[in-house]
Amino acid sequence: MTIAKRFLTIIRDYFRYADSILMLLCIAASGFGLVMVYSATRSYEGANGYMRIQILATAIGLVAFFVMSLVDIELVTDRWPLLLVFNIAFICTLFIWGVEGDTGNRGWLRFAGAGIQPTEVVKITFALLLAKHICYLRDDSRIGMNSVVSVGSLLLHFGLMFGLIMAASSDLGSDLVFAFIFIVMLFLGGLKLRWLGIGVLMVGTSAPLVWSRFLTERQRALIIAPYAPDVVDPTGLEITWQAAQSRLALASGQITGRGLFKGPLSQSNTIPSKHTDFIFAVIGEELGLLGCLTVIVLLLAIIARCVYVGVKSGSRIKALFCIGIAAMLAFQTFENIGMNVGLTPVIGLTLPFFSYGGSGTLSVLAAMGIVSGIRRTST
């Protein structure tokens, strides 16, 4: 067999067994996202640079989708000490080389004009490592998952990552994503409700201390702003400005929108961070309610597909990983859209597949590739 025929055979077999539905959903969402990033950045100085980065990240992400779908996560998680070292070391690079992004936290590494956000990558490896941790406690540990020692080890695992991220970058948004992944995976992994109740009680009793000692004044203001805007920002020109402009853009779009590339607020740079945190406002102004619903349906379909693949995988560790990735997408979708409509705090979380950002785009497509590979090996 010639090299060309062998390559074609590999490609044909891949598409026969890979999750074509998930792949098509990801391509559709990414393509839609590219169009909206172009619309959001075309009025910026150096607009072509934004698009080159986003197109390149999407192209590399699709390659990563293919490559990661060939990975057996059970073999990867058998090397869990390496995953743990990677997670810790990658976050710790922010102590040395971390620089501030648009949201004011030191969550970025920048070299030669390129930016990397370590937390975007570590979300995936954290879900892999946590799935391994839970499965070990459930299936291989003599003391079981619900013993004090087991729960303590899980809390230590999560607390290490949560604390490192907060200390290295003050990135509250990413920390909340990690917390949601942790809670959902533990709940579906078999943690008894009494432990979740104890956790809620502990969070409630420690909240005043965390509020006063560990959150900055700006972070406290951002959290309160959606619920008491007149108290936090009486003039409406500071903390609440972003969300207010976003709501105006969404309202002006009505049902069908003002037209692609024709949004007055979007094209005049009135909406802050319109290519990242507030891309949903651009979609709403230019494509209206129909465009917003299309985005929501695509994201819900991707999340549902991740859950479906996990349920059908026949492997606890694979199911937990898929659930973790679905939880990550669900939280970021809810929080980002909530930010845009003024229901949740503005904490710098992007909309998966749609917001500008090389690290986020590449990481989420790689994660989808792993899910596709789980589907491929389960058929």
Protein backbone atom coordinates (compact mmCIF):
# COMPACT_ATOMS: atom_id res chain seq x y z
CA MET A 1 0.00 0.00 0.00
CA THR A 2 1.34 3.40 -0.97
CA ILE A 3 1.78 6.14 1.60
CA ALA A 4 -1.05 8.17 0.03
CA LYS A 5 -3.48 5.24 0.13
CA ARG A 6 -2.53 4.43 3.69
CA PHE A 7 -3.10 8.05 4.70
CA LEU A 8 -6.52 8.08 3.01
CA THR A 9 -7.41 4.82 4.78
CA ILE A 10 -6.49 6.32 8.15
CA ILE A 11 -8.58 9.42 7.44
CA ARG A 12 -11.55 7.33 6.26
CA ASP A 13 -11.41 5.10 9.34
CA TYR A 14 -11.05 8.12 11.58
CA PHE A 15 -14.19 9.80 10.27
CA ARG A 16 -16.04 6.49 10.39
CA TYR A 17 -15.55 6.14 14.15
CA ALA A 18 -14.98 9.72 15.38
CA ASP A 19 -17.82 11.78 16.78
CA SER A 20 -18.87 13.53 13.58
CA ILE A 21 -21.78 15.26 15.31
CA LEU A 22 -19.51 16.90 17.90
CA MET A 23 -16.99 17.80 15.20
CA LEU A 24 -19.64 19.50 13.05
CA LEU A 25 -21.03 21.38 16.05
CA CYS A 26 -17.54 22.62 16.96
CA ILE A 27 -16.79 23.67 13.37
CA ALA A 28 -20.12 25.51 13.16
CA ALA A 29 -19.56 27.32 16.47
CA SER A 30 -15.94 28.17 15.61
CA GLY A 31 -16.90 29.46 12.16
CA PHE A 32 -19.67 31.58 13.63
CA GLY A 33 -17.19 32.85 16.21
CA LEU A 34 -14.66 33.85 13.56
CA VAL A 35 -17.29 35.94 11.75
CA MET A 36 -18.28 37.72 14.96
CA VAL A 37 -14.67 38.32 16.03
CA TYR A 38 -14.07 39.91 12.63
CA SER A 39 -17.12 42.12 13.12
CA ALA A 40 -16.03 43.09 16.63
CA THR A 41 -12.42 43.89 15.71
CA ARG A 42 -12.75 45.44 12.23
CA SER A 43 -12.90 48.93 13.75
CA TYR A 44 -9.74 48.38 15.84
CA GLU A 45 -6.32 49.58 14.85
CA GLY A 46 -4.45 46.51 13.64
CA ALA A 47 -7.67 44.59 13.02
CA ASN A 48 -5.92 42.16 10.67
CA GLY A 49 -3.67 41.06 13.51
CA TYR A 50 -6.62 40.01 15.62
CA MET A 51 -8.04 37.93 12.80
CA ARG A 52 -4.71 36.31 11.95
CA ILE A 53 -4.32 35.18 15.55
CA GLN A 54 -7.90 33.90 15.79
CA ILE A 55 -7.78 32.06 12.47
CA LEU A 56 -4.43 30.53 13.35
CA ALA A 57 -5.69 29.47 16.80
CA THR A 58 -8.80 27.92 15.26
CA ALA A 59 -6.77 26.06 12.62
CA ILE A 60 -4.31 24.73 15.22
CA GLY A 61 -7.27 23.92 17.47
CA LEU A 62 -8.88 21.80 14.77
CA VAL A 63 -5.59 19.95 14.29
CA ALA A 64 -5.47 19.49 18.07
CA PHE A 65 -9.04 18.15 17.90
CA PHE A 66 -7.86 15.44 15.52
CA VAL A 67 -4.66 14.64 17.44
CA MET A 68 -6.30 14.58 20.88
CA SER A 69 -9.07 12.32 19.63
CA LEU A 70 -6.39 9.64 19.16
CA VAL A 71 -5.33 9.86 22.82
CA ASP A 72 -6.42 7.23 25.34
CA ILE A 73 -7.06 9.21 28.51
CA GLU A 74 -6.77 6.13 30.70
CA LEU A 75 -3.14 5.76 29.62
CA VAL A 76 -2.56 9.49 30.15
CA THR A 77 -4.06 9.53 33.63
CA ASP A 78 -1.95 6.51 34.63
CA ARG A 79 0.88 9.07 34.59
CA TRP A 80 -1.01 11.23 37.06
CA PRO A 81 2.12 12.46 38.93
CA LEU A 82 3.28 14.11 35.70
CA LEU A 83 -0.14 15.74 35.26
CA LEU A 84 0.01 17.07 38.82
CA VAL A 85 3.52 18.46 38.34
CA PHE A 86 2.46 20.03 35.04
CA ASN A 87 -0.57 21.72 36.59
CA ILE A 88 1.40 23.17 39.47
CA ALA A 89 4.42 24.22 37.39
CA PHE A 90 2.36 25.84 34.64
CA ILE A 91 0.35 27.95 37.08
CA CYS A 92 3.51 28.85 39.01
CA THR A 93 5.03 30.40 35.87
CA LEU A 94 2.62 33.28 36.50
CA PHE A 95 4.54 34.18 39.66
CA ILE A 96 7.57 34.93 37.48
CA TRP A 97 6.32 35.93 34.06
CA GLY A 98 2.65 36.72 34.60
CA VAL A 99 1.35 39.97 33.11
CA GLU A 100 -1.99 41.70 33.36
CA GLY A 101 -4.69 41.14 30.78
CA ASP A 102 -7.74 43.28 29.99
CA THR A 103 -9.49 42.12 33.18
CA GLY A 104 -6.71 43.35 35.48
CA ASN A 105 -5.45 39.97 36.70
CA ARG A 106 -1.94 38.62 36.11
CA GLY A 107 -3.17 35.56 34.23
CA TRP A 108 -1.15 35.86 31.04
CA LEU A 109 2.26 34.82 29.78
CA ARG A 110 3.47 36.93 26.88
CA PHE A 111 6.53 36.19 24.75
CA ALA A 112 7.40 37.77 21.39
CA GLY A 113 3.92 39.26 21.07
CA ALA A 114 2.11 35.96 21.71
CA GLY A 115 -0.05 35.43 24.78
CA ILE A 116 -0.83 32.22 26.66
CA GLN A 117 -3.31 31.88 29.52
CA PRO A 118 -2.17 28.86 31.57
CA THR A 119 -5.52 28.40 33.32
CA GLU A 120 -7.22 27.66 29.99
CA VAL A 121 -4.94 24.66 29.47
CA VAL A 122 -4.94 23.54 33.10
CA LYS A 123 -8.75 23.36 33.17
CA ILE A 124 -8.46 20.31 30.91
CA THR A 125 -5.62 18.61 32.73
CA PHE A 126 -7.33 19.37 36.06
CA ALA A 127 -10.47 17.55 34.84
CA LEU A 128 -8.30 14.59 33.75
CA LEU A 129 -6.47 14.45 37.06
CA LEU A 130 -9.62 14.87 39.15
CA ALA A 131 -11.35 12.08 37.22
CA LYS A 132 -8.39 9.80 38.01
CA HIS A 133 -8.44 10.87 41.67
CA ILE A 134 -12.15 10.14 42.06
CA CYS A 135 -11.92 6.77 40.29
CA TYR A 136 -8.98 5.72 42.46
CA LEU A 137 -10.88 6.53 45.65
CA ARG A 138 -14.03 4.77 44.41
CA ASP A 139 -12.52 1.67 42.87
CA ASP A 140 -9.01 1.08 44.16
CA SER A 141 -8.84 2.63 47.60
CA ARG A 142 -9.71 0.49 50.62
CA ILE A 143 -11.18 3.44 52.52
CA GLY A 144 -13.65 4.47 49.79
CA MET A 145 -14.55 7.87 48.45
CA ASN A 146 -16.67 9.14 51.33
CA SER A 147 -14.22 8.66 54.18
CA VAL A 148 -12.78 11.71 55.95
CA VAL A 149 -9.32 10.98 54.53
CA SER A 150 -10.62 10.67 50.97
CA VAL A 151 -12.67 13.84 51.12
CA GLY A 152 -9.70 15.62 52.70
CA SER A 153 -7.44 14.53 49.84
CA LEU A 154 -9.96 15.82 47.28
CA LEU A 155 -10.23 19.15 49.07
CA LEU A 156 -6.44 19.38 49.23
CA HIS A 157 -6.25 18.70 45.49
CA PHE A 158 -8.77 21.41 44.69
CA GLY A 159 -7.50 23.85 47.31
CA LEU A 160 -3.98 23.61 45.92
CA MET A 161 -5.10 24.66 42.44
CA PHE A 162 -7.57 27.27 43.69
CA GLY A 163 -5.00 28.83 46.00
CA LEU A 164 -2.22 28.82 43.41
CA ILE A 165 -4.39 30.54 40.81
CA MET A 166 -5.56 33.20 43.25
CA ALA A 167 -2.06 33.81 44.60
CA ALA A 168 -0.38 33.84 41.19
CA SER A 169 -2.92 35.85 39.20
CA SER A 170 -5.93 36.92 41.31
CA ASP A 171 -8.05 35.41 38.53
CA LEU A 172 -11.36 34.95 40.35
CA GLY A 173 -13.19 34.04 37.15
CA SER A 174 -10.97 31.06 36.38
CA ASP A 175 -11.06 29.96 40.02
CA LEU A 176 -14.86 29.84 39.90
CA VAL A 177 -14.72 27.64 36.79
CA PHE A 178 -12.39 25.24 38.62
CA ALA A 179 -14.76 25.26 41.62
CA PHE A 180 -17.77 24.40 39.44
CA ILE A 181 -15.91 21.57 37.67
CA PHE A 182 -14.86 20.23 41.08
CA ILE A 183 -18.37 20.32 42.58
CA VAL A 184 -20.10 18.74 39.57
CA MET A 185 -17.53 15.96 39.17
CA LEU A 186 -17.61 15.11 42.88
CA PHE A 187 -21.40 15.09 43.01
CA LEU A 188 -21.71 12.82 39.95
CA GLY A 189 -18.66 10.82 41.03
CA GLY A 190 -20.47 9.50 44.08
CA LEU A 191 -19.84 11.95 46.90
CA LYS A 192 -22.63 11.66 49.44
CA LEU A 193 -24.95 14.59 49.98
CA ARG A 194 -23.90 15.01 53.59
CA TRP A 195 -20.45 16.09 52.43
CA LEU A 196 -21.93 18.60 50.02
CA GLY A 197 -24.07 19.94 52.87
CA ILE A 198 -21.00 20.28 55.07
CA GLY A 199 -19.23 22.03 52.20
CA VAL A 200 -22.05 24.55 51.80
CA LEU A 201 -21.97 25.21 55.56
CA MET A 202 -18.19 25.72 55.52
CA VAL A 203 -18.37 28.07 52.55
CA GLY A 204 -21.13 30.04 54.22
CA THR A 205 -19.27 30.44 57.50
CA SER A 206 -15.97 31.32 55.83
CA ALA A 207 -17.47 33.71 53.28
CA PRO A 208 -17.19 36.83 55.49
CA LEU A 209 -13.48 36.15 56.08
CA VAL A 210 -12.81 35.53 52.38
CA TRP A 211 -14.81 38.64 51.48
CA SER A 212 -12.91 40.94 53.81
CA ARG A 213 -9.39 39.47 53.68
CA PHE A 214 -8.85 37.83 50.31
CA LEU A 215 -10.91 39.82 47.77
CA THR A 216 -9.77 43.21 46.55
CA GLU A 217 -12.06 46.22 46.74
CA ARG A 218 -12.60 46.04 42.97
CA GLN A 219 -13.51 42.34 43.11
CA ARG A 220 -16.06 43.02 45.84
CA ALA A 221 -17.54 45.86 43.80
CA LEU A 222 -17.79 43.67 40.68
CA ILE A 223 -19.65 40.97 42.62
CA ILE A 224 -22.16 43.43 44.09
CA ALA A 225 -22.63 45.55 40.96
CA PRO A 226 -25.39 43.53 39.19
CA TYR A 227 -27.55 43.57 42.31
CA ALA A 228 -26.89 47.06 43.70
CA PRO A 229 -25.63 49.18 40.79
CA ASP A 230 -26.67 52.52 42.30
CA VAL A 231 -24.71 51.78 45.47
CA VAL A 232 -21.54 50.54 43.76
CA ASP A 233 -21.49 53.02 40.88
CA PRO A 234 -23.93 55.94 41.32
CA THR A 235 -22.68 57.69 38.16
CA GLY A 236 -22.90 54.57 36.00
CA LEU A 237 -19.56 55.42 34.43
CA GLU A 238 -17.24 52.99 36.20
CA ILE A 239 -17.92 49.43 37.42
CA THR A 240 -21.36 49.14 35.78
CA TRP A 241 -20.43 50.85 32.49
CA GLN A 242 -19.55 47.66 30.58
CA ALA A 243 -22.74 45.80 31.45
CA ALA A 244 -24.88 48.87 30.76
CA GLN A 245 -23.46 49.28 27.24
CA SER A 246 -23.91 45.57 26.62
CA ARG A 247 -27.59 45.72 27.60
CA LEU A 248 -28.13 48.71 25.32
CA ALA A 249 -26.60 46.83 22.40
CA LEU A 250 -28.67 43.72 23.05
CA ALA A 251 -31.88 45.75 23.34
CA SER A 252 -31.21 47.67 20.13
CA GLY A 253 -30.81 44.42 18.18
CA GLN A 254 -34.42 43.37 18.80
CA ILE A 255 -35.46 40.22 16.90
CA THR A 256 -33.35 40.21 13.75
CA GLY A 257 -30.56 42.68 14.59
CA ARG A 258 -29.19 45.82 12.98
CA GLY A 259 -27.28 43.80 10.39
CA LEU A 260 -23.89 42.10 10.34
CA PHE A 261 -21.09 44.72 10.57
CA LYS A 262 -23.77 47.41 11.08
CA GLY A 263 -24.20 47.59 14.84
CA PRO A 264 -23.85 51.27 15.87
CA LEU A 265 -22.50 50.50 19.34
CA SER A 266 -20.41 47.57 18.16
CA GLN A 267 -18.76 49.38 15.28
CA SER A 268 -18.14 52.60 17.21
CA ASN A 269 -16.17 50.82 19.95
CA THR A 270 -18.72 51.89 22.56
CA ILE A 271 -18.93 48.35 24.00
CA PRO A 272 -15.80 47.62 26.08
CA SER A 273 -14.00 44.30 25.50
CA LYS A 274 -16.45 43.63 22.68
CA HIS A 275 -14.25 40.97 21.06
CA THR A 276 -13.73 38.98 24.28
CA ASP A 277 -16.03 39.24 27.32
CA PHE A 278 -18.84 41.06 25.49
CA ILE A 279 -18.91 39.31 22.12
CA PHE A 280 -22.46 38.20 22.94
CA ALA A 281 -23.55 41.86 22.96
CA VAL A 282 -22.13 42.29 19.45
CA ILE A 283 -24.04 39.21 18.31
CA GLY A 284 -27.23 40.53 19.88
CA GLU A 285 -26.95 43.98 18.36
CA GLU A 286 -26.05 42.84 14.85
CA LEU A 287 -27.98 39.55 14.59
CA GLY A 288 -30.69 40.13 17.18
CA LEU A 289 -32.51 37.61 19.32
CA LEU A 290 -32.28 35.02 16.53
CA GLY A 291 -28.48 35.26 16.51
CA CYS A 292 -28.32 34.98 20.30
CA LEU A 293 -30.59 31.93 20.28
CA THR A 294 -28.42 30.30 17.61
CA VAL A 295 -25.36 30.76 19.84
CA ILE A 296 -27.17 29.32 22.86
CA VAL A 297 -28.51 26.33 20.90
CA LEU A 298 -25.05 25.53 19.51
CA LEU A 299 -23.43 25.68 22.95
CA LEU A 300 -26.20 23.65 24.60
CA ALA A 301 -25.89 21.04 21.84
CA ILE A 302 -22.12 20.78 22.41
CA ILE A 303 -22.60 20.50 26.18
CA ALA A 304 -25.32 17.87 25.74
CA ARG A 305 -23.12 15.93 23.33
CA CYS A 306 -20.28 15.86 25.88
CA VAL A 307 -22.66 14.48 28.51
CA TYR A 308 -24.04 11.91 26.05
CA VAL A 309 -20.55 10.69 25.10
CA GLY A 310 -19.65 10.36 28.78
CA VAL A 311 -22.79 8.40 29.64
CA LYS A 312 -22.26 6.03 26.70
CA SER A 313 -18.51 5.60 27.26
CA GLY A 314 -18.77 2.57 29.54
CA SER A 315 -15.85 3.88 31.61
CA ARG A 316 -16.16 5.84 34.84
CA ILE A 317 -13.01 7.88 34.29
CA LYS A 318 -14.04 8.79 30.76
CA ALA A 319 -17.56 9.66 31.87
CA LEU A 320 -16.28 11.89 34.66
CA PHE A 321 -13.92 13.72 32.31
CA CYS A 322 -16.73 14.38 29.82
CA ILE A 323 -18.93 15.64 32.64
CA GLY A 324 -16.12 17.90 33.84
CA ILE A 325 -15.68 19.44 30.39
CA ALA A 326 -19.45 19.86 30.05
CA ALA A 327 -19.48 21.61 33.43
CA MET A 328 -16.68 23.93 32.31
CA LEU A 329 -18.57 24.91 29.15
CA ALA A 330 -21.88 25.28 31.00
CA PHE A 331 -20.47 27.57 33.69
CA GLN A 332 -18.57 29.78 31.26
CA THR A 333 -21.62 30.04 28.99
CA PHE A 334 -23.96 30.92 31.86
CA GLU A 335 -21.56 33.40 33.45
CA ASN A 336 -20.59 35.12 30.19
CA ILE A 337 -24.16 35.54 28.93
CA GLY A 338 -25.17 36.58 32.45
CA MET A 339 -22.46 39.28 32.37
CA ASN A 340 -23.78 40.56 29.06
CA VAL A 341 -27.39 40.84 30.24
CA GLY A 342 -26.47 42.21 33.67
CA LEU A 343 -27.41 39.21 35.80
CA THR A 344 -23.96 38.06 36.91
CA PRO A 345 -20.73 39.87 37.89
CA VAL A 346 -18.26 40.95 35.21
CA ILE A 347 -15.34 38.67 36.10
CA GLY A 348 -13.56 38.24 32.77
CA LEU A 349 -14.85 34.91 31.47
CA THR A 350 -15.07 34.52 27.71
CA LEU A 351 -17.78 32.77 25.71
CA PRO A 352 -16.45 29.37 24.51
CA PHE A 353 -15.94 29.09 20.72
CA PHE A 354 -17.09 32.68 20.12
CA SER A 355 -14.83 35.07 22.03
CA TYR A 356 -11.44 36.15 20.75
CA GLY A 357 -8.50 34.39 22.38
CA GLY A 358 -5.91 31.97 21.13
CA SER A 359 -5.46 30.01 24.37
CA GLY A 360 -9.17 29.60 24.96
CA THR A 361 -9.95 28.62 21.36
CA LEU A 362 -7.14 26.08 21.09
CA SER A 363 -7.82 24.58 24.53
CA VAL A 364 -11.54 24.11 24.08
CA LEU A 365 -11.09 22.46 20.67
CA ALA A 366 -8.43 20.15 22.13
CA ALA A 367 -10.85 19.23 24.93
CA MET A 368 -13.55 18.47 22.37
CA GLY A 369 -11.04 16.26 20.56
CA ILE A 370 -10.54 14.21 23.72
CA VAL A 371 -14.32 13.84 24.06
CA SER A 372 -14.53 12.77 20.40
CA GLY A 373 -11.80 10.20 21.03
CA ILE A 374 -13.80 8.80 23.94
CA ARG A 375 -16.77 8.39 21.61
CA ARG A 376 -14.53 6.74 19.01
CA THR A 377 -13.20 4.14 21.43
CA SER A 378 -16.67 3.47 22.88
CA THR A 379 -18.29 2.42 19.59
